[in-house]
Amino acid sequence: MKLKPKISIADHFAQMPDPRVERTKRHQLIDIITIAICAVICGADTWVEMEIYGQAKHQWLKQFLELPNGIPSHDTFSRVFSRLDPEQFQNCFLNWVKSISKVVAREVVAIDGKTLRHSYERGGDKKAIHMVSAWATEQRLVLGQVKVDEKSNEITAIPELLKVLSLQGCIVTIDAMGCQKDIVKLIAGQEADYVISLKKNQGSLYKRVEALFSEALKNRYEGFTHSSNRRSEESHSREETRYCVQLSNVQNQIDPEGKWQNLQSIGRLDVMRTVNGKTKIETRYFISSLANNAKLLADSVRQHWGIENSLHWVLDVAFREDDSRIRKDNAPQNFAVLRHIAHSLLQQNTSVKIGIKNKRLKAGWDNEYLAKVLFG
């Protein structure tokens, strides 16, 4: 392989085991993977588009790749990525992410799931796959992802994801699905903080939190360690006020048996939203290891939605993930990793101030810009 050392992402995939038998290896695996990454960065969303990209950029790609038998066909891309071990492919991605990222104190790491809606197989038993991802909100980087087992849910996938992440000093945010004692224990074990949404699926805990806030409000917070934060925003015909109250030093009242590790506080967020003259009020509760800093708690909750706006929404709009018809074997999961690689590389490049969709177009048109995205 003639890839330059600067293309560190290719180096991390160089040791990927090749699932093909020797007599069928007309193209080197690292060439196939590298072309696939470049193609997805540049706008390819199918195997056919991947081949078309490779043919159009053959001479440019030959500067870095061996390509002993030219550009692989779309069938070759499909077969290879259908057979690649998704766990090993994911591990290569994780190793690359770890090499370019660093822990930022108090960085919010949001964990949430997303279904690849058209990854099911018609006429078969294979359902659409569901992926759980970790998103570093400040670095704007996918830290990792795992597939949810078909016969399970996010509760079992989140611990597997947490085990492969480095979270020391971060604030992990999860929606109510992740409000589980074992998940909290894993986060605390990594010396990280957490802010986890609480809903009525945690019946007794929810009732205790709700009752304690009612008592605190009734007594005007006398006898309670508390802090509050209010934020108002206006945009076009929309007005929103978010009022967050945090009660600290509440473990004895909420969790006297100490089953929720490092539980330091509970939070209540009241959101009053007025759109076109109609007002709605929503109240949400949280458990947290943060103490007596309502602004930090409110900011963490707000930043959690970055995984929806900056990752999931971008994957749907800029990468057309929900429209993808890639279904065969391991291909949907592996193509999801390709999208995350492309998304991360494009996010990390700040040489132009345009959206991800236009960055993909520019990378396809401008080899010099693509080199910047790849080389860093």
Protein backbone atom coordinates (compact mmCIF):
# COMPACT_ATOMS: atom_id res chain seq x y z
CA MET A 1 0.00 0.00 0.00
CA LYS A 2 1.28 3.46 -0.92
CA LEU A 3 -0.96 5.54 1.31
CA LYS A 4 0.83 8.46 2.89
CA PRO A 5 1.30 8.22 6.68
CA LYS A 6 -0.76 11.39 7.06
CA ILE A 7 -3.92 9.46 6.11
CA SER A 8 -4.06 8.03 9.60
CA ILE A 9 -7.58 6.73 9.18
CA ALA A 10 -6.37 4.35 6.45
CA ASP A 11 -3.58 3.18 8.72
CA HIS A 12 -6.14 2.18 11.34
CA PHE A 13 -7.99 -0.01 8.83
CA ALA A 14 -4.86 -1.59 7.34
CA GLN A 15 -4.98 -4.54 9.76
CA MET A 16 -8.65 -5.31 9.12
CA PRO A 17 -9.05 -9.10 8.53
CA ASP A 18 -10.05 -9.92 4.95
CA PRO A 19 -13.08 -12.27 4.80
CA ARG A 20 -12.47 -13.28 1.17
CA VAL A 21 -10.82 -16.47 -0.03
CA GLU A 22 -7.43 -15.91 -1.61
CA ARG A 23 -8.42 -16.73 -5.21
CA THR A 24 -11.11 -14.01 -5.22
CA LYS A 25 -8.84 -11.16 -4.11
CA ARG A 26 -8.50 -9.09 -7.27
CA HIS A 27 -8.48 -5.88 -5.21
CA GLN A 28 -6.66 -5.12 -1.98
CA LEU A 29 -8.95 -4.76 1.01
CA ILE A 30 -7.40 -1.45 2.11
CA ASP A 31 -7.99 -0.08 -1.41
CA ILE A 32 -11.67 -1.06 -1.23
CA ILE A 33 -12.11 0.48 2.22
CA THR A 34 -10.27 3.70 1.32
CA ILE A 35 -12.22 4.21 -1.91
CA ALA A 36 -15.43 3.59 0.03
CA ILE A 37 -14.52 6.21 2.64
CA CYS A 38 -13.58 8.76 -0.04
CA ALA A 39 -16.74 8.01 -2.02
CA VAL A 40 -19.06 8.45 0.96
CA ILE A 41 -17.32 11.71 1.88
CA CYS A 42 -17.91 12.89 -1.69
CA GLY A 43 -21.61 12.07 -1.83
CA ALA A 44 -21.91 8.37 -2.66
CA ASP A 45 -24.85 6.70 -0.89
CA THR A 46 -24.97 3.38 -2.79
CA TRP A 47 -22.54 0.74 -4.08
CA VAL A 48 -23.16 1.82 -7.68
CA GLU A 49 -22.34 5.44 -6.82
CA MET A 50 -19.20 4.19 -5.08
CA GLU A 51 -18.02 2.51 -8.29
CA ILE A 52 -18.88 5.57 -10.39
CA TYR A 53 -16.89 7.77 -8.01
CA GLY A 54 -13.89 5.42 -8.19
CA GLN A 55 -13.93 5.38 -12.00
CA ALA A 56 -14.17 9.18 -12.15
CA LYS A 57 -11.29 9.64 -9.68
CA HIS A 58 -9.14 6.71 -10.83
CA GLN A 59 -6.06 8.77 -11.65
CA TRP A 60 -6.26 10.77 -8.40
CA LEU A 61 -6.70 7.62 -6.31
CA LYS A 62 -3.69 5.99 -7.98
CA GLN A 63 -1.50 8.59 -6.26
CA PHE A 64 -2.21 6.83 -2.95
CA LEU A 65 -3.46 3.32 -3.70
CA GLU A 66 -2.03 0.27 -5.50
CA LEU A 67 -5.20 -0.53 -7.52
CA PRO A 68 -3.58 -3.54 -9.28
CA ASN A 69 -6.80 -4.34 -11.15
CA GLY A 70 -8.37 -0.93 -11.38
CA ILE A 71 -11.49 0.19 -9.54
CA PRO A 72 -13.65 -2.51 -7.89
CA SER A 73 -17.15 -3.04 -9.26
CA HIS A 74 -20.26 -2.17 -7.27
CA ASP A 75 -20.84 -5.91 -6.74
CA THR A 76 -17.37 -6.17 -5.18
CA PHE A 77 -18.06 -3.29 -2.80
CA SER A 78 -21.38 -4.90 -1.86
CA ARG A 79 -19.94 -8.38 -1.30
CA VAL A 80 -16.97 -7.18 0.75
CA PHE A 81 -18.93 -4.91 3.09
CA SER A 82 -21.64 -7.56 3.47
CA ARG A 83 -19.00 -9.98 4.75
CA LEU A 84 -16.70 -7.71 6.78
CA ASP A 85 -16.97 -8.39 10.50
CA PRO A 86 -18.90 -5.34 11.78
CA GLU A 87 -17.39 -5.57 15.26
CA GLN A 88 -13.85 -5.53 13.89
CA PHE A 89 -14.74 -2.73 11.47
CA GLN A 90 -16.20 -0.77 14.37
CA ASN A 91 -13.07 -1.38 16.47
CA CYS A 92 -10.90 0.08 13.71
CA PHE A 93 -13.15 3.14 13.68
CA LEU A 94 -12.96 3.44 17.47
CA ASN A 95 -9.16 3.23 17.43
CA TRP A 96 -9.04 6.01 14.85
CA VAL A 97 -11.42 8.18 16.90
CA LYS A 98 -9.29 7.69 20.01
CA SER A 99 -6.19 8.74 18.07
CA ILE A 100 -7.70 12.10 17.02
CA SER A 101 -9.85 12.97 20.04
CA LYS A 102 -8.99 14.06 23.54
CA VAL A 103 -11.02 14.28 26.71
CA VAL A 104 -12.28 17.78 27.40
CA ALA A 105 -13.20 18.48 31.01
CA ARG A 106 -16.96 18.71 31.49
CA GLU A 107 -17.61 17.86 27.85
CA VAL A 108 -21.11 16.50 27.34
CA VAL A 109 -21.17 13.05 25.75
CA ALA A 110 -24.71 12.37 24.55
CA ILE A 111 -25.84 8.78 24.05
CA ASP A 112 -28.89 8.02 21.95
CA GLY A 113 -30.23 5.51 19.44
CA LYS A 114 -31.32 5.71 15.82
CA THR A 115 -33.07 3.20 13.57
CA LEU A 116 -31.87 2.69 9.99
CA ARG A 117 -35.44 2.56 8.74
CA HIS A 118 -34.98 0.77 5.42
CA SER A 119 -32.33 -1.75 6.54
CA TYR A 120 -34.93 -4.51 7.01
CA GLU A 121 -35.32 -7.33 4.47
CA ARG A 122 -38.68 -7.79 2.80
CA GLY A 123 -40.02 -11.32 3.03
CA GLY A 124 -37.49 -12.21 5.72
CA ASP A 125 -37.16 -12.09 9.47
CA LYS A 126 -34.51 -9.37 9.50
CA LYS A 127 -35.82 -6.18 11.09
CA ALA A 128 -34.44 -2.68 10.58
CA ILE A 129 -31.25 -2.35 12.61
CA HIS A 130 -31.01 0.09 15.49
CA MET A 131 -27.70 1.75 16.37
CA VAL A 132 -26.75 3.47 19.64
CA SER A 133 -24.15 6.22 19.26
CA ALA A 134 -22.06 8.40 21.56
CA TRP A 135 -21.64 12.02 20.45
CA ALA A 136 -19.03 14.42 21.87
CA THR A 137 -20.91 17.72 21.73
CA GLU A 138 -17.91 20.06 21.91
CA GLN A 139 -15.63 18.13 19.58
CA ARG A 140 -18.62 17.35 17.31
CA LEU A 141 -17.36 13.83 16.89
CA VAL A 142 -18.91 10.37 16.96
CA LEU A 143 -16.99 8.54 19.70
CA GLY A 144 -18.50 5.14 19.00
CA GLN A 145 -21.58 3.15 18.15
CA VAL A 146 -23.00 -0.33 18.74
CA LYS A 147 -25.81 -2.26 17.14
CA VAL A 148 -28.81 -3.15 19.26
CA ASP A 149 -29.50 -6.88 19.21
CA GLU A 150 -32.71 -7.71 17.33
CA LYS A 151 -34.22 -9.40 20.38
CA SER A 152 -33.20 -6.69 22.82
CA ASN A 153 -33.24 -2.89 23.18
CA GLU A 154 -31.03 0.07 24.06
CA ILE A 155 -30.83 -1.00 27.72
CA THR A 156 -28.46 -3.82 26.76
CA ALA A 157 -26.62 -1.88 24.03
CA ILE A 158 -25.73 1.20 26.10
CA PRO A 159 -23.50 -0.73 28.58
CA GLU A 160 -21.60 -2.31 25.68
CA LEU A 161 -20.97 1.15 24.22
CA LEU A 162 -19.91 2.63 27.57
CA LYS A 163 -17.32 -0.14 28.02
CA VAL A 164 -15.37 0.92 24.91
CA LEU A 165 -15.41 4.68 25.58
CA SER A 166 -12.97 6.84 27.58
CA LEU A 167 -15.21 9.13 29.62
CA GLN A 168 -13.16 10.38 32.57
CA GLY A 169 -14.13 13.97 33.39
CA CYS A 170 -17.06 14.03 30.94
CA ILE A 171 -20.78 14.46 31.58
CA VAL A 172 -22.76 11.60 30.06
CA THR A 173 -26.36 12.40 29.10
CA ILE A 174 -28.95 9.72 28.29
CA ASP A 175 -32.70 9.73 27.83
CA ALA A 176 -35.09 7.80 30.08
CA MET A 177 -34.35 4.44 28.41
CA GLY A 178 -30.88 4.57 30.00
CA CYS A 179 -32.15 5.26 33.52
CA GLN A 180 -30.79 1.98 34.90
CA LYS A 181 -28.66 1.28 37.98
CA ASP A 182 -26.09 -0.78 36.04
CA ILE A 183 -25.64 1.99 33.47
CA VAL A 184 -25.13 4.59 36.21
CA LYS A 185 -22.58 2.29 37.85
CA LEU A 186 -20.58 1.98 34.61
CA ILE A 187 -20.49 5.76 34.16
CA ALA A 188 -19.42 6.35 37.76
CA GLY A 189 -16.76 3.65 37.39
CA GLN A 190 -15.15 5.69 34.62
CA GLU A 191 -15.00 8.76 36.90
CA ALA A 192 -17.55 10.56 34.75
CA ASP A 193 -20.68 12.46 35.73
CA TYR A 194 -24.16 11.80 34.43
CA VAL A 195 -27.44 13.56 33.73
CA ILE A 196 -30.20 11.06 32.95
CA SER A 197 -33.78 11.81 32.05
CA LEU A 198 -36.37 10.35 34.41
CA LYS A 199 -39.82 9.28 33.31
CA LYS A 200 -42.58 7.15 34.73
CA ASN A 201 -40.87 3.97 33.54
CA GLN A 202 -38.96 4.29 36.85
CA GLY A 203 -42.19 4.35 38.85
CA SER A 204 -41.10 4.58 42.50
CA LEU A 205 -38.04 6.74 41.77
CA TYR A 206 -40.11 9.10 39.64
CA LYS A 207 -42.72 9.45 42.38
CA ARG A 208 -40.07 10.19 45.04
CA VAL A 209 -38.44 12.86 42.87
CA GLU A 210 -41.78 14.44 41.99
CA ALA A 211 -42.88 14.43 45.65
CA LEU A 212 -39.60 15.97 46.86
CA PHE A 213 -39.90 18.83 44.37
CA SER A 214 -43.51 19.39 45.45
CA GLU A 215 -42.35 19.60 49.07
CA ALA A 216 -39.49 21.94 48.18
CA LEU A 217 -41.78 24.26 46.22
CA LYS A 218 -44.36 24.25 49.03
CA ASN A 219 -41.67 25.29 51.54
CA ARG A 220 -40.06 27.74 49.09
CA TYR A 221 -36.91 25.63 49.18
CA GLU A 222 -36.33 26.29 52.89
CA GLY A 223 -34.13 23.52 54.24
CA PHE A 224 -33.07 22.42 50.74
CA THR A 225 -29.73 22.93 49.02
CA HIS A 226 -30.81 24.23 45.65
CA SER A 227 -29.84 26.34 42.66
CA SER A 228 -31.82 27.61 39.69
CA ASN A 229 -31.29 28.85 36.17
CA ARG A 230 -33.64 30.66 33.80
CA ARG A 231 -33.10 31.20 30.08
CA SER A 232 -35.39 32.85 27.55
CA GLU A 233 -35.07 32.86 23.78
CA GLU A 234 -37.05 34.37 20.92
CA SER A 235 -36.84 33.35 17.28
CA HIS A 236 -39.31 34.43 14.60
CA SER A 237 -42.77 33.42 15.91
CA ARG A 238 -41.40 31.23 18.68
CA GLU A 239 -40.68 32.13 22.31
CA GLU A 240 -39.20 29.73 24.81
CA THR A 241 -38.38 30.01 28.51
CA ARG A 242 -36.50 27.21 30.26
CA TYR A 243 -36.45 27.24 34.06
CA CYS A 244 -34.25 24.64 35.76
CA VAL A 245 -34.15 23.92 39.50
CA GLN A 246 -31.65 21.53 41.03
CA LEU A 247 -31.91 19.98 44.50
CA SER A 248 -28.58 18.72 45.84
CA ASN A 249 -27.62 16.48 48.76
CA VAL A 250 -30.80 14.47 48.29
CA GLN A 251 -29.48 10.92 48.20
CA ASN A 252 -30.87 10.03 51.62
CA GLN A 253 -34.37 11.14 50.62
CA ILE A 254 -34.32 9.73 47.08
CA ASP A 255 -32.10 6.68 47.39
CA PRO A 256 -31.54 5.81 51.08
CA GLU A 257 -30.18 2.36 50.22
CA GLY A 258 -27.55 3.80 47.86
CA LYS A 259 -28.57 1.72 44.85
CA TRP A 260 -27.91 4.59 42.41
CA GLN A 261 -24.16 5.14 42.49
CA ASN A 262 -22.94 8.71 43.00
CA LEU A 263 -26.46 10.16 42.90
CA GLN A 264 -25.96 13.74 44.12
CA SER A 265 -28.91 15.71 42.83
CA ILE A 266 -32.22 15.77 41.04
CA GLY A 267 -33.36 18.33 38.49
CA ARG A 268 -36.64 19.74 37.31
CA LEU A 269 -36.87 21.54 33.97
CA ASP A 270 -39.98 23.55 33.10
CA VAL A 271 -40.14 24.56 29.45
CA MET A 272 -42.73 27.14 28.42
CA ARG A 273 -42.95 27.34 24.65
CA THR A 274 -45.13 29.78 22.70
CA VAL A 275 -45.52 29.18 18.96
CA ASN A 276 -47.90 31.30 16.87
CA GLY A 277 -49.65 32.52 20.01
CA LYS A 278 -50.22 29.04 21.47
CA THR A 279 -48.41 28.22 24.73
CA LYS A 280 -47.43 24.79 26.03
CA ILE A 281 -45.68 23.93 29.28
CA GLU A 282 -43.64 20.76 29.70
CA THR A 283 -42.02 19.50 32.91
CA ARG A 284 -39.16 17.00 32.91
CA TYR A 285 -37.17 15.43 35.74
CA PHE A 286 -33.57 14.23 35.90
CA ILE A 287 -31.18 12.37 38.20
CA SER A 288 -27.56 13.48 38.25
CA SER A 289 -24.16 13.16 39.87
CA LEU A 290 -23.69 16.94 39.49
CA ALA A 291 -24.19 19.02 42.62
CA ASN A 292 -25.68 22.49 43.12
CA ASN A 293 -25.08 23.92 39.65
CA ALA A 294 -28.39 24.36 37.87
CA LYS A 295 -26.78 26.19 34.95
CA LEU A 296 -24.44 23.25 34.26
CA LEU A 297 -27.34 20.82 34.57
CA ALA A 298 -29.52 22.89 32.22
CA ASP A 299 -26.67 23.29 29.72
CA SER A 300 -26.02 19.54 29.77
CA VAL A 301 -29.68 18.78 29.07
CA ARG A 302 -29.73 21.32 26.23
CA GLN A 303 -26.50 19.99 24.71
CA HIS A 304 -27.84 16.44 24.77
CA TRP A 305 -30.05 17.30 21.82
CA GLY A 306 -26.93 18.00 19.78
CA ILE A 307 -26.88 14.29 18.96
CA GLU A 308 -30.27 14.72 17.29
CA ASN A 309 -29.54 18.01 15.53
CA SER A 310 -25.86 17.59 14.64
CA LEU A 311 -25.68 13.83 14.07
CA HIS A 312 -28.99 12.03 13.48
CA TRP A 313 -30.59 14.87 11.52
CA VAL A 314 -27.44 15.34 9.42
CA LEU A 315 -27.25 11.60 8.70
CA ASP A 316 -30.85 11.68 7.47
CA VAL A 317 -30.65 14.91 5.45
CA ALA A 318 -27.04 15.11 4.22
CA PHE A 319 -26.34 11.35 3.98
CA ARG A 320 -29.91 10.14 3.25
CA GLU A 321 -29.50 7.37 5.80
CA ASP A 322 -33.22 6.77 6.25
CA ASP A 323 -33.62 6.32 2.48
CA SER A 324 -30.83 3.75 2.19
CA ARG A 325 -31.92 0.38 0.76
CA ILE A 326 -28.69 -1.38 1.76
CA ARG A 327 -29.91 -4.48 3.57
CA LYS A 328 -27.76 -7.55 2.93
CA ASP A 329 -25.99 -9.28 5.83
CA ASN A 330 -23.48 -6.98 7.60
CA ALA A 331 -23.68 -4.25 4.95
CA PRO A 332 -26.16 -1.91 6.74
CA GLN A 333 -24.09 -1.84 9.92
CA ASN A 334 -20.80 -1.39 8.07
CA PHE A 335 -22.22 1.34 5.83
CA ALA A 336 -23.41 3.13 8.98
CA VAL A 337 -19.77 3.14 10.13
CA LEU A 338 -18.72 4.58 6.76
CA ARG A 339 -21.23 7.41 7.22
CA HIS A 340 -19.91 8.11 10.72
CA ILE A 341 -16.34 8.20 9.41
CA ALA A 342 -17.30 10.62 6.64
CA HIS A 343 -19.39 12.73 9.02
CA SER A 344 -16.53 12.94 11.54
CA LEU A 345 -13.91 13.86 8.93
CA LEU A 346 -16.14 16.54 7.42
CA GLN A 347 -17.02 17.94 10.85
CA GLN A 348 -13.36 18.14 11.84
CA ASN A 349 -12.48 20.17 8.76
CA THR A 350 -13.15 23.86 9.35
CA SER A 351 -11.42 25.33 6.30
CA VAL A 352 -14.81 26.26 4.81
CA LYS A 353 -17.94 27.52 6.58
CA ILE A 354 -20.66 25.49 4.87
CA GLY A 355 -22.98 22.68 5.88
CA ILE A 356 -22.15 18.97 5.67
CA LYS A 357 -24.22 18.41 2.53
CA ASN A 358 -22.32 21.15 0.68
CA LYS A 359 -19.02 19.90 2.10
CA ARG A 360 -19.75 16.53 0.50
CA LEU A 361 -20.39 18.23 -2.84
CA LYS A 362 -17.22 20.31 -2.57
CA ALA A 363 -15.13 17.25 -1.69
CA GLY A 364 -16.48 15.48 -4.79
CA TRP A 365 -15.68 18.41 -7.04
CA ASP A 366 -12.42 19.62 -5.49
CA ASN A 367 -9.61 17.10 -4.95
CA GLU A 368 -7.56 19.64 -3.03
CA TYR A 369 -10.37 20.09 -0.52
CA LEU A 370 -10.86 16.32 -0.25
CA ALA A 371 -7.15 15.99 0.54
CA LYS A 372 -7.59 18.50 3.37
CA VAL A 373 -10.49 16.49 4.76
CA LEU A 374 -8.49 13.25 4.61
CA PHE A 375 -5.09 14.54 5.69
CA GLY A 376 -6.30 16.95 8.39
